[in-house]
């Protein structure tokens, strides 16, 4: 962002010079116009880079969140399976005890 700030100050300075263009020669005006154009392109390019970096960061965070959600889903599924197994084992143990109580 420091680079962008520098370019923006160059643009402002050049704009002020263009406001006083009547005191400038045509070559000075052309040079100032060139500086303004190059600085504007550089600011736009820097903004594009910043936006692309932000998009990449957002995608990375989104992928991490998806990975965490998938992991949580797998853990929940395993917990459900484990609970089902435990319930089944409990039911079988109760059946066995009832059967033994009926037929000792």
PDB file of N, CA and C in Angstrom:
ATOM      1  N   UNK A   1       0.806  -1.192   0.000  1.00  0.00           N
ATOM      2  CA  UNK A   1       0.000   0.000   0.000  1.00  0.00           C
ATOM      3  C   UNK A   1       0.849   1.255   0.000  1.00  0.00           C
ATOM      4  N   UNK A   2       2.042   1.177   0.548  1.00  0.00           N
ATOM      5  CA  UNK A   2       2.930   2.333   0.521  1.00  0.00           C
ATOM      6  C   UNK A   2       3.239   2.743  -0.908  1.00  0.00           C
ATOM      7  N   UNK A   3       3.435   1.745  -1.771  1.00  0.00           N
ATOM      8  CA  UNK A   3       3.708   1.994  -3.187  1.00  0.00           C
ATOM      9  C   UNK A   3       2.522   2.706  -3.831  1.00  0.00           C
ATOM     10  N   UNK A   4       1.311   2.256  -3.512  1.00  0.00           N
ATOM     11  CA  UNK A   4       0.099   2.892  -4.055  1.00  0.00           C
ATOM     12  C   UNK A   4      -0.009   4.335  -3.585  1.00  0.00           C
ATOM     13  N   UNK A   5       0.308   4.557  -2.317  1.00  0.00           N
ATOM     14  CA  UNK A   5       0.249   5.907  -1.772  1.00  0.00           C
ATOM     15  C   UNK A   5       1.222   6.825  -2.503  1.00  0.00           C
ATOM     16  N   UNK A   6       2.418   6.313  -2.764  1.00  0.00           N
ATOM     17  CA  UNK A   6       3.410   7.090  -3.501  1.00  0.00           C
ATOM     18  C   UNK A   6       2.892   7.423  -4.901  1.00  0.00           C
ATOM     19  N   UNK A   7       2.326   6.434  -5.572  1.00  0.00           N
ATOM     20  CA  UNK A   7       1.814   6.673  -6.922  1.00  0.00           C
ATOM     21  C   UNK A   7       0.661   7.665  -6.909  1.00  0.00           C
ATOM     22  N   UNK A   8      -0.180   7.578  -5.914  1.00  0.00           N
ATOM     23  CA  UNK A   8      -1.300   8.514  -5.824  1.00  0.00           C
ATOM     24  C   UNK A   8      -0.792   9.933  -5.576  1.00  0.00           C
ATOM     25  N   UNK A   9       0.251  10.068  -4.764  1.00  0.00           N
ATOM     26  CA  UNK A   9       0.800  11.414  -4.537  1.00  0.00           C
ATOM     27  C   UNK A   9       1.434  11.954  -5.828  1.00  0.00           C
ATOM     28  N   UNK A  10       2.058  11.064  -6.612  1.00  0.00           N
ATOM     29  CA  UNK A  10       2.601  11.492  -7.914  1.00  0.00           C
ATOM     30  C   UNK A  10       1.459  11.953  -8.816  1.00  0.00           C
ATOM     31  N   UNK A  11       0.368  11.189  -8.822  1.00  0.00           N
ATOM     32  CA  UNK A  11      -0.790  11.580  -9.631  1.00  0.00           C
ATOM     33  C   UNK A  11      -1.325  12.942  -9.198  1.00  0.00           C
ATOM     34  N   UNK A  12      -1.451  13.140  -7.894  1.00  0.00           N
ATOM     35  CA  UNK A  12      -1.955  14.426  -7.395  1.00  0.00           C
ATOM     36  C   UNK A  12      -1.038  15.567  -7.786  1.00  0.00           C
ATOM     37  N   UNK A  13       0.276  15.356  -7.631  1.00  0.00           N
ATOM     38  CA  UNK A  13       1.250  16.383  -7.988  1.00  0.00           C
ATOM     39  C   UNK A  13       1.171  16.697  -9.477  1.00  0.00           C
ATOM     40  N   UNK A  14       1.104  15.654 -10.304  1.00  0.00           N
ATOM     41  CA  UNK A  14       1.028  15.849 -11.751  1.00  0.00           C
ATOM     42  C   UNK A  14      -0.272  16.544 -12.133  1.00  0.00           C
ATOM     43  N   UNK A  15      -1.347  16.196 -11.439  1.00  0.00           N
ATOM     44  CA  UNK A  15      -2.634  16.836 -11.714  1.00  0.00           C
ATOM     45  C   UNK A  15      -2.560  18.327 -11.398  1.00  0.00           C
ATOM     46  N   UNK A  16      -1.913  18.659 -10.288  1.00  0.00           N
ATOM     47  CA  UNK A  16      -1.751  20.066  -9.935  1.00  0.00           C
ATOM     48  C   UNK A  16      -0.915  20.785 -10.985  1.00  0.00           C
ATOM     49  N   UNK A  17       0.110  20.104 -11.498  1.00  0.00           N
ATOM     50  CA  UNK A  17       0.928  20.716 -12.541  1.00  0.00           C
ATOM     51  C   UNK A  17       0.110  20.939 -13.806  1.00  0.00           C
ATOM     52  N   UNK A  18      -0.773  19.976 -14.111  1.00  0.00           N
ATOM     53  CA  UNK A  18      -1.611  20.132 -15.300  1.00  0.00           C
ATOM     54  C   UNK A  18      -2.608  21.275 -15.133  1.00  0.00           C
ATOM     55  N   UNK A  19      -2.998  21.536 -13.903  1.00  0.00           N
ATOM     56  CA  UNK A  19      -3.898  22.671 -13.666  1.00  0.00           C
ATOM     57  C   UNK A  19      -3.217  23.994 -14.012  1.00  0.00           C
ATOM     58  N   UNK A  20      -1.897  24.000 -13.933  1.00  0.00           N
ATOM     59  CA  UNK A  20      -1.127  25.196 -14.281  1.00  0.00           C
ATOM     60  C   UNK A  20      -0.456  25.017 -15.638  1.00  0.00           C
ATOM     61  N   UNK A  21      -1.124  24.316 -16.533  1.00  0.00           N
ATOM     62  CA  UNK A  21      -0.539  23.957 -17.824  1.00  0.00           C
ATOM     63  C   UNK A  21      -0.213  25.168 -18.681  1.00  0.00           C
ATOM     64  N   UNK A  22      -0.889  26.265 -18.430  1.00  0.00           N
ATOM     65  CA  UNK A  22      -0.633  27.444 -19.265  1.00  0.00           C
ATOM     66  C   UNK A  22       0.788  27.951 -19.080  1.00  0.00           C
ATOM     67  N   UNK A  23       1.407  27.636 -17.930  1.00  0.00           N
ATOM     68  CA  UNK A  23       2.771  28.097 -17.685  1.00  0.00           C
ATOM     69  C   UNK A  23       3.806  27.058 -18.128  1.00  0.00           C
ATOM     70  N   UNK A  24       3.338  25.912 -18.646  1.00  0.00           N
ATOM     71  CA  UNK A  24       4.257  24.837 -19.037  1.00  0.00           C
ATOM     72  C   UNK A  24       4.435  24.825 -20.552  1.00  0.00           C
ATOM     73  N   UNK A  25       5.599  24.381 -20.965  1.00  0.00           N
ATOM     74  CA  UNK A  25       5.823  24.197 -22.403  1.00  0.00           C
ATOM     75  C   UNK A  25       5.103  22.926 -22.829  1.00  0.00           C
ATOM     76  N   UNK A  26       4.962  22.726 -24.131  1.00  0.00           N
ATOM     77  CA  UNK A  26       4.252  21.543 -24.628  1.00  0.00           C
ATOM     78  C   UNK A  26       5.007  20.266 -24.265  1.00  0.00           C
ATOM     79  N   UNK A  27       6.347  20.323 -24.231  1.00  0.00           N
ATOM     80  CA  UNK A  27       7.103  19.120 -23.853  1.00  0.00           C
ATOM     81  C   UNK A  27       6.913  18.814 -22.365  1.00  0.00           C
ATOM     82  N   UNK A  28       6.825  19.868 -21.534  1.00  0.00           N
ATOM     83  CA  UNK A  28       6.561  19.651 -20.103  1.00  0.00           C
ATOM     84  C   UNK A  28       5.160  19.070 -19.906  1.00  0.00           C
ATOM     85  N   UNK A  29       4.193  19.572 -20.675  1.00  0.00           N
ATOM     86  CA  UNK A  29       2.833  19.041 -20.592  1.00  0.00           C
ATOM     87  C   UNK A  29       2.809  17.573 -21.026  1.00  0.00           C
ATOM     88  N   UNK A  30       3.518  17.250 -22.091  1.00  0.00           N
ATOM     89  CA  UNK A  30       3.566  15.870 -22.579  1.00  0.00           C
ATOM     90  C   UNK A  30       4.217  14.962 -21.539  1.00  0.00           C
ATOM     91  N   UNK A  31       5.299  15.448 -20.929  1.00  0.00           N
ATOM     92  CA  UNK A  31       5.977  14.657 -19.896  1.00  0.00           C
ATOM     93  C   UNK A  31       5.063  14.444 -18.706  1.00  0.00           C
ATOM     94  N   UNK A  32       4.381  15.508 -18.297  1.00  0.00           N
ATOM     95  CA  UNK A  32       3.459  15.399 -17.159  1.00  0.00           C
ATOM     96  C   UNK A  32       2.315  14.448 -17.497  1.00  0.00           C
ATOM     97  N   UNK A  33       1.798  14.542 -18.714  1.00  0.00           N
ATOM     98  CA  UNK A  33       0.736  13.620 -19.137  1.00  0.00           C
ATOM     99  C   UNK A  33       1.226  12.174 -19.109  1.00  0.00           C
ATOM    100  N   UNK A  34       2.453  11.950 -19.550  1.00  0.00           N
ATOM    101  CA  UNK A  34       3.035  10.609 -19.542  1.00  0.00           C
ATOM    102  C   UNK A  34       3.174  10.097 -18.111  1.00  0.00           C
ATOM    103  N   UNK A  35       3.651  10.967 -17.216  1.00  0.00           N
ATOM    104  CA  UNK A  35       3.803  10.578 -15.802  1.00  0.00           C
ATOM    105  C   UNK A  35       2.447  10.204 -15.217  1.00  0.00           C
ATOM    106  N   UNK A  36       1.447  11.022 -15.509  1.00  0.00           N
ATOM    107  CA  UNK A  36       0.094  10.748 -14.995  1.00  0.00           C
ATOM    108  C   UNK A  36      -0.411   9.416 -15.526  1.00  0.00           C
ATOM    109  N   UNK A  37      -0.216   9.179 -16.811  1.00  0.00           N
ATOM    110  CA  UNK A  37      -0.684   7.929 -17.421  1.00  0.00           C
ATOM    111  C   UNK A  37       0.018   6.722 -16.823  1.00  0.00           C
ATOM    112  N   UNK A  38       1.338   6.781 -16.711  1.00  0.00           N
ATOM    113  CA  UNK A  38       2.099   5.663 -16.150  1.00  0.00           C
ATOM    114  C   UNK A  38       1.713   5.428 -14.688  1.00  0.00           C
ATOM    115  N   UNK A  39       1.583   6.496 -13.934  1.00  0.00           N
ATOM    116  CA  UNK A  39       1.214   6.357 -12.522  1.00  0.00           C
ATOM    117  C   UNK A  39      -0.195   5.776 -12.393  1.00  0.00           C
ATOM    118  N   UNK A  40      -1.112   6.208 -13.235  1.00  0.00           N
ATOM    119  CA  UNK A  40      -2.481   5.681 -13.186  1.00  0.00           C
ATOM    120  C   UNK A  40      -2.494   4.189 -13.518  1.00  0.00           C
ATOM    121  N   UNK A  41      -1.714   3.793 -14.520  1.00  0.00           N
ATOM    122  CA  UNK A  41      -1.622   2.372 -14.879  1.00  0.00           C
ATOM    123  C   UNK A  41      -1.015   1.574 -13.731  1.00  0.00           C
ATOM    124  N   UNK A  42       0.016   2.133 -13.112  1.00  0.00           N
ATOM    125  CA  UNK A  42       0.659   1.435 -11.994  1.00  0.00           C
ATOM    126  C   UNK A  42      -0.289   1.282 -10.814  1.00  0.00           C
ATOM    127  N   UNK A  43      -1.081   2.323 -10.520  1.00  0.00           N
ATOM    128  CA  UNK A  43      -2.060   2.237  -9.430  1.00  0.00           C
ATOM    129  C   UNK A  43      -3.104   1.174  -9.755  1.00  0.00           C
ATOM    130  N   UNK A  44      -3.570   1.159 -10.997  1.00  0.00           N
ATOM    131  CA  UNK A  44      -4.564   0.152 -11.396  1.00  0.00           C
ATOM    132  C   UNK A  44      -3.972  -1.256 -11.289  1.00  0.00           C
ATOM    133  N   UNK A  45      -2.729  -1.428 -11.732  1.00  0.00           N
ATOM    134  CA  UNK A  45      -2.076  -2.739 -11.656  1.00  0.00           C
ATOM    135  C   UNK A  45      -1.903  -3.170 -10.199  1.00  0.00           C
ATOM    136  N   UNK A  46      -1.502  -2.233  -9.358  1.00  0.00           N
ATOM    137  CA  UNK A  46      -1.329  -2.548  -7.937  1.00  0.00           C
ATOM    138  C   UNK A  46      -2.672  -2.941  -7.315  1.00  0.00           C
ATOM    139  N   UNK A  47      -3.735  -2.248  -7.695  1.00  0.00           N
ATOM    140  CA  UNK A  47      -5.063  -2.581  -7.176  1.00  0.00           C
ATOM    141  C   UNK A  47      -5.476  -3.977  -7.621  1.00  0.00           C
ATOM    142  N   UNK A  48      -5.177  -4.324  -8.862  1.00  0.00           N
ATOM    143  CA  UNK A  48      -5.499  -5.663  -9.363  1.00  0.00           C
ATOM    144  C   UNK A  48      -4.739  -6.717  -8.571  1.00  0.00           C
ATOM    145  N   UNK A  49      -3.459  -6.463  -8.318  1.00  0.00           N
ATOM    146  CA  UNK A  49      -2.655  -7.413  -7.535  1.00  0.00           C
ATOM    147  C   UNK A  49      -3.237  -7.592  -6.138  1.00  0.00           C
ATOM    148  N   UNK A  50      -3.619  -6.487  -5.502  1.00  0.00           N
ATOM    149  CA  UNK A  50      -4.203  -6.563  -4.158  1.00  0.00           C
ATOM    150  C   UNK A  50      -5.499  -7.365  -4.193  1.00  0.00           C
ATOM    151  N   UNK A  51      -6.346  -7.104  -5.171  1.00  0.00           N
ATOM    152  CA  UNK A  51      -7.616  -7.824  -5.284  1.00  0.00           C
ATOM    153  C   UNK A  51      -7.377  -9.312  -5.515  1.00  0.00           C
ATOM    154  N   UNK A  52      -6.441  -9.645  -6.397  1.00  0.00           N
ATOM    155  CA  UNK A  52      -6.147 -11.063  -6.661  1.00  0.00           C
ATOM    156  C   UNK A  52      -5.614 -11.757  -5.410  1.00  0.00           C
ATOM    157  N   UNK A  53      -4.771 -11.066  -4.657  1.00  0.00           N
ATOM    158  CA  UNK A  53      -4.255 -11.651  -3.408  1.00  0.00           C
ATOM    159  C   UNK A  53      -5.385 -11.880  -2.408  1.00  0.00           C
ATOM    160  N   UNK A  54      -6.304 -10.935  -2.327  1.00  0.00           N
ATOM    161  CA  UNK A  54      -7.436 -11.091  -1.410  1.00  0.00           C
ATOM    162  C   UNK A  54      -8.316 -12.263  -1.834  1.00  0.00           C
ATOM    163  N   UNK A  55      -8.541 -12.399  -3.136  1.00  0.00           N
ATOM    164  CA  UNK A  55      -9.346 -13.513  -3.630  1.00  0.00           C
ATOM    165  C   UNK A  55      -8.664 -14.843  -3.318  1.00  0.00           C
ATOM    166  N   UNK A  56      -7.350 -14.897  -3.484  1.00  0.00           N
ATOM    167  CA  UNK A  56      -6.606 -16.127  -3.186  1.00  0.00           C
ATOM    168  C   UNK A  56      -6.719 -16.468  -1.701  1.00  0.00           C
ATOM    169  N   UNK A  57      -6.588 -15.435  -0.860  1.00  0.00           N
ATOM    170  CA  UNK A  57      -6.718 -15.662   0.585  1.00  0.00           C
ATOM    171  C   UNK A  57      -8.118 -16.163   0.942  1.00  0.00           C
ATOM    172  N   UNK A  58      -9.127 -15.596   0.313  1.00  0.00           N
ATOM    173  CA  UNK A  58     -10.505 -16.019   0.578  1.00  0.00           C
ATOM    174  C   UNK A  58     -10.708 -17.467   0.136  1.00  0.00           C
ATOM    175  N   UNK A  59     -10.177 -17.810  -1.062  1.00  0.00           N
ATOM    176  CA  UNK A  59     -10.292 -19.198  -1.526  1.00  0.00           C
ATOM    177  C   UNK A  59      -9.589 -20.150  -0.573  1.00  0.00           C
ATOM    178  N   UNK A  60      -8.401 -19.764  -0.103  1.00  0.00           N
ATOM    179  CA  UNK A  60      -7.642 -20.618   0.821  1.00  0.00           C
ATOM    180  C   UNK A  60      -8.427 -20.824   2.108  1.00  0.00           C
ATOM    181  N   UNK A  61      -8.988 -19.746   2.662  1.00  0.00           N
ATOM    182  CA  UNK A  61      -9.782 -19.868   3.886  1.00  0.00           C
ATOM    183  C   UNK A  61     -11.020 -20.723   3.658  1.00  0.00           C
ATOM    184  N   UNK A  62     -11.635 -20.554   2.503  1.00  0.00           N
ATOM    185  CA  UNK A  62     -12.827 -21.330   2.173  1.00  0.00           C
ATOM    186  C   UNK A  62     -12.489 -22.818   2.067  1.00  0.00           C
ATOM    187  N   UNK A  63     -11.357 -23.116   1.430  1.00  0.00           N
ATOM    188  CA  UNK A  63     -10.944 -24.514   1.313  1.00  0.00           C
ATOM    189  C   UNK A  63     -10.646 -25.110   2.687  1.00  0.00           C
ATOM    190  N   UNK A  64     -10.005 -24.332   3.545  1.00  0.00           N
ATOM    191  CA  UNK A  64      -9.733 -24.811   4.908  1.00  0.00           C
ATOM    192  C   UNK A  64     -11.035 -25.071   5.660  1.00  0.00           C
ATOM    193  N   UNK A  65     -11.993 -24.167   5.505  1.00  0.00           N
ATOM    194  CA  UNK A  65     -13.283 -24.339   6.177  1.00  0.00           C
ATOM    195  C   UNK A  65     -13.992 -25.585   5.653  1.00  0.00           C
ATOM    196  N   UNK A  66     -13.919 -25.808   4.343  1.00  0.00           N
ATOM    197  CA  UNK A  66     -14.528 -27.009   3.768  1.00  0.00           C
ATOM    198  C   UNK A  66     -13.849 -28.267   4.308  1.00  0.00           C
ATOM    199  N   UNK A  67     -12.527 -28.232   4.413  1.00  0.00           N
ATOM    200  CA  UNK A  67     -11.796 -29.381   4.964  1.00  0.00           C
ATOM    201  C   UNK A  67     -12.223 -29.648   6.403  1.00  0.00           C
ATOM    202  N   UNK A  68     -12.351 -28.587   7.198  1.00  0.00           N
ATOM    203  CA  UNK A  68     -12.781 -28.748   8.593  1.00  0.00           C
ATOM    204  C   UNK A  68     -14.206 -29.294   8.657  1.00  0.00           C
ATOM    205  N   UNK A  69     -15.073 -28.805   7.770  1.00  0.00           N
ATOM    206  CA  UNK A  69     -16.456 -29.283   7.749  1.00  0.00           C
ATOM    207  C   UNK A  69     -16.496 -30.762   7.363  1.00  0.00           C
ATOM    208  N   UNK A  70     -15.697 -31.151   6.378  1.00  0.00           N
ATOM    209  CA  UNK A  70     -15.635 -32.562   5.977  1.00  0.00           C
ATOM    210  C   UNK A  70     -15.133 -33.427   7.120  1.00  0.00           C
ATOM    211  N   UNK A  71     -14.124 -32.947   7.818  1.00  0.00           N
ATOM    212  CA  UNK A  71     -13.577 -33.688   8.954  1.00  0.00           C
ATOM    213  C   UNK A  71     -14.631 -33.830  10.058  1.00  0.00           C
ATOM    214  N   UNK A  72     -15.341 -32.751  10.332  1.00  0.00           N
ATOM    215  CA  UNK A  72     -16.391 -32.797  11.359  1.00  0.00           C
ATOM    216  C   UNK A  72     -17.497 -33.771  10.948  1.00  0.00           C
ATOM    217  N   UNK A  73     -17.819 -33.772   9.661  1.00  0.00           N
ATOM    218  CA  UNK A  73     -18.838 -34.688   9.158  1.00  0.00           C
ATOM    219  C   UNK A  73     -18.388 -36.143   9.332  1.00  0.00           C
ATOM    220  N   UNK A  74     -17.125 -36.427   8.993  1.00  0.00           N
ATOM    221  CA  UNK A  74     -16.595 -37.788   9.167  1.00  0.00           C
ATOM    222  C   UNK A  74     -16.605 -38.182  10.639  1.00  0.00           C
ATOM    223  N   UNK A  75     -16.186 -37.257  11.508  1.00  0.00           N
ATOM    224  CA  UNK A  75     -16.179 -37.545  12.949  1.00  0.00           C
ATOM    225  C   UNK A  75     -17.597 -37.809  13.473  1.00  0.00           C
ATOM    226  N   UNK A  76     -18.554 -37.017  13.021  1.00  0.00           N
ATOM    227  CA  UNK A  76     -19.943 -37.210  13.460  1.00  0.00           C
ATOM    228  C   UNK A  76     -20.471 -38.553  12.965  1.00  0.00           C
ATOM    229  N   UNK A  77     -20.147 -38.877  11.727  1.00  0.00           N
ATOM    230  CA  UNK A  77     -20.594 -40.155  11.168  1.00  0.00           C
ATOM    231  C   UNK A  77     -20.007 -41.322  11.951  1.00  0.00           C
ATOM    232  N   UNK A  78     -18.728 -41.215  12.284  1.00  0.00           N
ATOM    233  CA  UNK A  78     -18.074 -42.272  13.067  1.00  0.00           C
ATOM    234  C   UNK A  78     -18.699 -42.367  14.453  1.00  0.00           C
ATOM    235  N   UNK A  79     -18.994 -41.224  15.065  1.00  0.00           N
ATOM    236  CA  UNK A  79     -19.619 -41.228  16.389  1.00  0.00           C
ATOM    237  C   UNK A  79     -20.994 -41.887  16.330  1.00  0.00           C
ATOM    238  N   UNK A  80     -21.746 -41.629  15.262  1.00  0.00           N
ATOM    239  CA  UNK A  80     -23.062 -42.256  15.102  1.00  0.00           C
ATOM    240  C   UNK A  80     -22.904 -43.769  14.947  1.00  0.00           C
ATOM    241  N   UNK A  81     -21.935 -44.164  14.110  1.00  0.00           N
ATOM    242  CA  UNK A  81     -21.678 -45.604  13.931  1.00  0.00           C
ATOM    243  C   UNK A  81     -21.282 -46.256  15.250  1.00  0.00           C
ATOM    244  N   UNK A  82     -20.397 -45.605  15.996  1.00  0.00           N
ATOM    245  CA  UNK A  82     -19.953 -46.144  17.289  1.00  0.00           C
ATOM    246  C   UNK A  82     -21.123 -46.248  18.273  1.00  0.00           C
ATOM    247  N   UNK A  83     -21.983 -45.232  18.267  1.00  0.00           N
ATOM    248  CA  UNK A  83     -23.148 -45.250  19.154  1.00  0.00           C
ATOM    249  C   UNK A  83     -24.090 -46.379  18.756  1.00  0.00           C
ATOM    250  N   UNK A  84     -24.264 -46.601  17.470  1.00  0.00           N
ATOM    251  CA  UNK A  84     -25.106 -47.699  16.987  1.00  0.00           C
ATOM    252  C   UNK A  84     -24.557 -49.049  17.411  1.00  0.00           C
ATOM    253  N   UNK A  85     -23.238 -49.200  17.279  1.00  0.00           N
ATOM    254  CA  UNK A  85     -22.597 -50.454  17.711  1.00  0.00           C
ATOM    255  C   UNK A  85     -22.786 -50.669  19.206  1.00  0.00           C
ATOM    256  N   UNK A  86     -22.574 -49.615  19.982  1.00  0.00           N
ATOM    257  CA  UNK A  86     -22.726 -49.730  21.441  1.00  0.00           C
ATOM    258  C   UNK A  86     -24.164 -50.071  21.803  1.00  0.00           C
ATOM    259  N   UNK A  87     -25.118 -49.461  21.127  1.00  0.00           N
ATOM    260  CA  UNK A  87     -26.530 -49.763  21.391  1.00  0.00           C
ATOM    261  C   UNK A  87     -26.839 -51.212  21.044  1.00  0.00           C
ATOM    262  N   UNK A  88     -26.310 -51.663  19.911  1.00  0.00           N
ATOM    263  CA  UNK A  88     -26.529 -53.045  19.491  1.00  0.00           C
ATOM    264  C   UNK A  88     -25.927 -54.022  20.498  1.00  0.00           C
ATOM    265  N   UNK A  89     -24.716 -53.731  20.954  1.00  0.00           N
ATOM    266  CA  UNK A  89     -24.070 -54.585  21.956  1.00  0.00           C
ATOM    267  C   UNK A  89     -24.867 -54.584  23.259  1.00  0.00           C
ATOM    268  N   UNK A  90     -25.388 -53.415  23.636  1.00  0.00           N
ATOM    269  CA  UNK A  90     -26.201 -53.311  24.847  1.00  0.00           C
ATOM    270  C   UNK A  90     -27.477 -54.120  24.734  1.00  0.00           C
ATOM    271  N   UNK A  91     -28.123 -54.019  23.580  1.00  0.00           N
ATOM    272  CA  UNK A  91     -29.356 -54.787  23.354  1.00  0.00           C
ATOM    273  C   UNK A  91     -29.061 -56.286  23.403  1.00  0.00           C
ATOM    274  N   UNK A  92     -27.973 -56.703  22.758  1.00  0.00           N
ATOM    275  CA  UNK A  92     -27.609 -58.123  22.770  1.00  0.00           C
ATOM    276  C   UNK A  92     -27.304 -58.604  24.187  1.00  0.00           C
ATOM    277  N   UNK A  93     -26.654 -57.761  24.993  1.00  0.00           N
ATOM    278  CA  UNK A  93     -26.343 -58.140  26.376  1.00  0.00           C
ATOM    279  C   UNK A  93     -27.632 -58.293  27.177  1.00  0.00           C
ATOM    280  N   UNK A  94     -28.585 -57.391  26.980  1.00  0.00           N
ATOM    281  CA  UNK A  94     -29.861 -57.476  27.694  1.00  0.00           C
ATOM    282  C   UNK A  94     -30.604 -58.741  27.261  1.00  0.00           C
ATOM    283  N   UNK A  95     -30.646 -59.029  25.956  1.00  0.00           N
ATOM    284  CA  UNK A  95     -31.303 -60.238  25.457  1.00  0.00           C
ATOM    285  C   UNK A  95     -30.694 -61.483  26.091  1.00  0.00           C
ATOM    286  N   UNK A  96     -29.364 -61.483  26.142  1.00  0.00           N
ATOM    287  CA  UNK A  96     -28.667 -62.644  26.714  1.00  0.00           C
ATOM    288  C   UNK A  96     -29.042 -62.821  28.187  1.00  0.00           C
ATOM    289  N   UNK A  97     -29.088 -61.735  28.922  1.00  0.00           N
ATOM    290  CA  UNK A  97     -29.428 -61.840  30.358  1.00  0.00           C
ATOM    291  C   UNK A  97     -30.875 -62.274  30.544  1.00  0.00           C
ATOM    292  N   UNK A  98     -31.757 -61.741  29.698  1.00  0.00           N
ATOM    293  CA  UNK A  98     -33.170 -62.136  29.792  1.00  0.00           C
ATOM    294  C   UNK A  98     -33.308 -63.623  29.467  1.00  0.00           C
ATOM    295  N   UNK A  99     -32.602 -64.072  28.431  1.00  0.00           N
ATOM    296  CA  UNK A  99     -32.656 -65.490  28.053  1.00  0.00           C
ATOM    297  C   UNK A  99     -32.124 -66.365  29.159  1.00  0.00           C
ATOM    298  N   UNK A 100     -31.050 -65.941  29.805  1.00  0.00           N
ATOM    299  CA  UNK A 100     -30.489 -66.714  30.920  1.00  0.00           C
ATOM    300  C   UNK A 100     -31.427 -66.726  32.120  1.00  0.00           C
ATOM    301  N   UNK A 101     -32.130 -65.600  32.315  1.00  0.00           N
ATOM    302  CA  UNK A 101     -33.073 -65.528  33.431  1.00  0.00           C
ATOM    303  C   UNK A 101     -34.273 -66.441  33.182  1.00  0.00           C
ATOM    304  N   UNK A 102     -34.669 -66.539  31.926  1.00  0.00           N
ATOM    305  CA  UNK A 102     -35.817 -67.382  31.587  1.00  0.00           C
ATOM    306  C   UNK A 102     -35.417 -68.865  31.624  1.00  0.00           C
ATOM    307  N   UNK A 103     -34.290 -69.162  31.047  1.00  0.00           N
ATOM    308  CA  UNK A 103     -33.783 -70.533  30.995  1.00  0.00           C
ATOM    309  C   UNK A 103     -32.427 -70.600  31.660  1.00  0.00           C
ATOM    310  N   UNK A 104     -32.409 -70.772  32.966  1.00  0.00           N
ATOM    311  CA  UNK A 104     -31.111 -70.748  33.657  1.00  0.00           C
ATOM    312  C   UNK A 104     -30.223 -71.945  33.369  1.00  0.00           C
TER     313      UNK A 104
END
